[in-house]
Amino acid sequence: MPRPRLFPFALSIGTDICHILRVKKILTNPKRSAQQYFRKVLNPAEVLAYRSWLKVAVELDALKADEERYSEIPGEVIHAKAWPMARFLSGR
């Protein structure tokens, strides 16, 4: 049985970046750097233009620095930082 598609249109390129929840999972994954992902998605001029979002990525990475402590942080705190940034990046 074929797997259901999360995105209804067959565009073939870049459709996964539009899935906000997937971007949020990348940003909040303790084994991945939110800063590196931010710089990967945006070009250097955009990184300079959106420095405030880079600060959010730095904050997320600081929270993730201690994996043991990170698992104890309430989900609402992580969600409040990661969700707006995921929405922004998925639309880029």
Protein backbone atom coordinates (compact mmCIF):
# COMPACT_ATOMS: atom_id res chain seq x y z
CA MET A 1 0.00 0.00 0.00
CA PRO A 2 1.51 3.38 -0.97
CA ARG A 3 2.31 5.86 1.76
CA PRO A 4 -0.05 8.88 1.93
CA ARG A 5 1.50 12.15 0.81
CA LEU A 6 1.73 14.99 3.30
CA PHE A 7 1.76 17.57 0.53
CA PRO A 8 -0.98 17.09 -2.07
CA PHE A 9 0.88 18.38 -5.14
CA ALA A 10 3.73 16.65 -6.94
CA LEU A 11 6.17 19.54 -7.30
CA SER A 12 9.23 17.28 -6.99
CA ILE A 13 11.52 19.91 -5.45
CA GLY A 14 11.48 21.74 -2.15
CA THR A 15 8.06 20.64 -0.97
CA ASP A 16 9.39 19.19 2.29
CA ILE A 17 10.73 22.60 3.38
CA CYS A 18 7.11 23.85 3.41
CA HIS A 19 6.09 21.39 6.10
CA ILE A 20 6.34 23.56 9.22
CA LEU A 21 6.24 20.68 11.70
CA ARG A 22 9.20 19.03 9.97
CA VAL A 23 11.21 22.26 10.19
CA LYS A 24 10.29 22.59 13.89
CA LYS A 25 11.52 19.04 14.54
CA ILE A 26 14.83 19.90 12.86
CA LEU A 27 15.20 23.08 14.93
CA THR A 28 14.42 21.34 18.23
CA ASN A 29 16.45 18.17 17.63
CA PRO A 30 19.20 18.08 20.30
CA LYS A 31 21.63 16.51 17.82
CA ARG A 32 21.25 19.27 15.20
CA SER A 33 22.24 22.91 15.28
CA ALA A 34 19.45 25.42 14.70
CA GLN A 35 22.08 27.98 13.69
CA GLN A 36 23.52 25.72 11.00
CA TYR A 37 20.07 24.97 9.62
CA PHE A 38 19.25 28.70 9.61
CA ARG A 39 22.41 29.46 7.65
CA LYS A 40 21.76 26.55 5.28
CA VAL A 41 18.26 27.72 4.38
CA LEU A 42 19.03 31.44 4.00
CA ASN A 43 21.62 33.09 1.81
CA PRO A 44 24.25 35.38 3.45
CA ALA A 45 22.29 38.56 2.69
CA GLU A 46 19.16 37.11 4.29
CA VAL A 47 21.15 35.99 7.33
CA LEU A 48 22.21 39.62 7.82
CA ALA A 49 18.70 40.94 7.19
CA TYR A 50 17.10 38.50 9.64
CA ARG A 51 19.62 38.65 12.50
CA SER A 52 16.80 38.64 15.05
CA TRP A 53 15.86 35.12 13.92
CA LEU A 54 19.51 34.09 14.18
CA LYS A 55 19.38 35.14 17.84
CA VAL A 56 16.44 32.76 18.33
CA ALA A 57 18.50 29.97 16.75
CA VAL A 58 21.35 30.76 19.15
CA GLU A 59 18.91 30.61 22.09
CA LEU A 60 17.58 27.24 20.92
CA ASP A 61 21.10 25.87 20.59
CA ALA A 62 21.94 27.17 24.08
CA LEU A 63 18.91 25.33 25.47
CA LYS A 64 19.96 22.15 23.66
CA ALA A 65 23.59 22.35 24.85
CA ASP A 66 22.86 20.15 27.86
CA GLU A 67 20.78 17.26 26.48
CA GLU A 68 19.81 16.03 29.95
CA ARG A 69 18.52 19.45 31.02
CA TYR A 70 16.87 20.00 27.62
CA SER A 71 14.59 17.01 28.10
CA GLU A 72 13.30 18.59 31.34
CA ILE A 73 12.37 21.96 29.80
CA PRO A 74 8.59 22.29 29.39
CA GLY A 75 7.41 21.81 25.83
CA GLU A 76 5.67 25.20 25.85
CA VAL A 77 9.02 26.98 26.29
CA ILE A 78 10.58 25.17 23.35
CA HIS A 79 7.41 25.56 21.29
CA ALA A 80 7.26 29.33 21.93
CA LYS A 81 10.77 29.77 20.50
CA ALA A 82 10.82 27.14 17.76
CA TRP A 83 7.35 27.39 16.22
CA PRO A 84 7.56 31.03 14.97
CA MET A 85 11.03 30.41 13.60
CA ALA A 86 9.89 27.21 11.87
CA ARG A 87 7.00 29.13 10.27
CA PHE A 88 9.40 31.80 9.08
CA LEU A 89 11.97 29.38 7.65
CA SER A 90 9.42 27.13 5.98
CA GLY A 91 8.15 30.10 4.02
CA ARG A 92 11.59 31.12 2.75
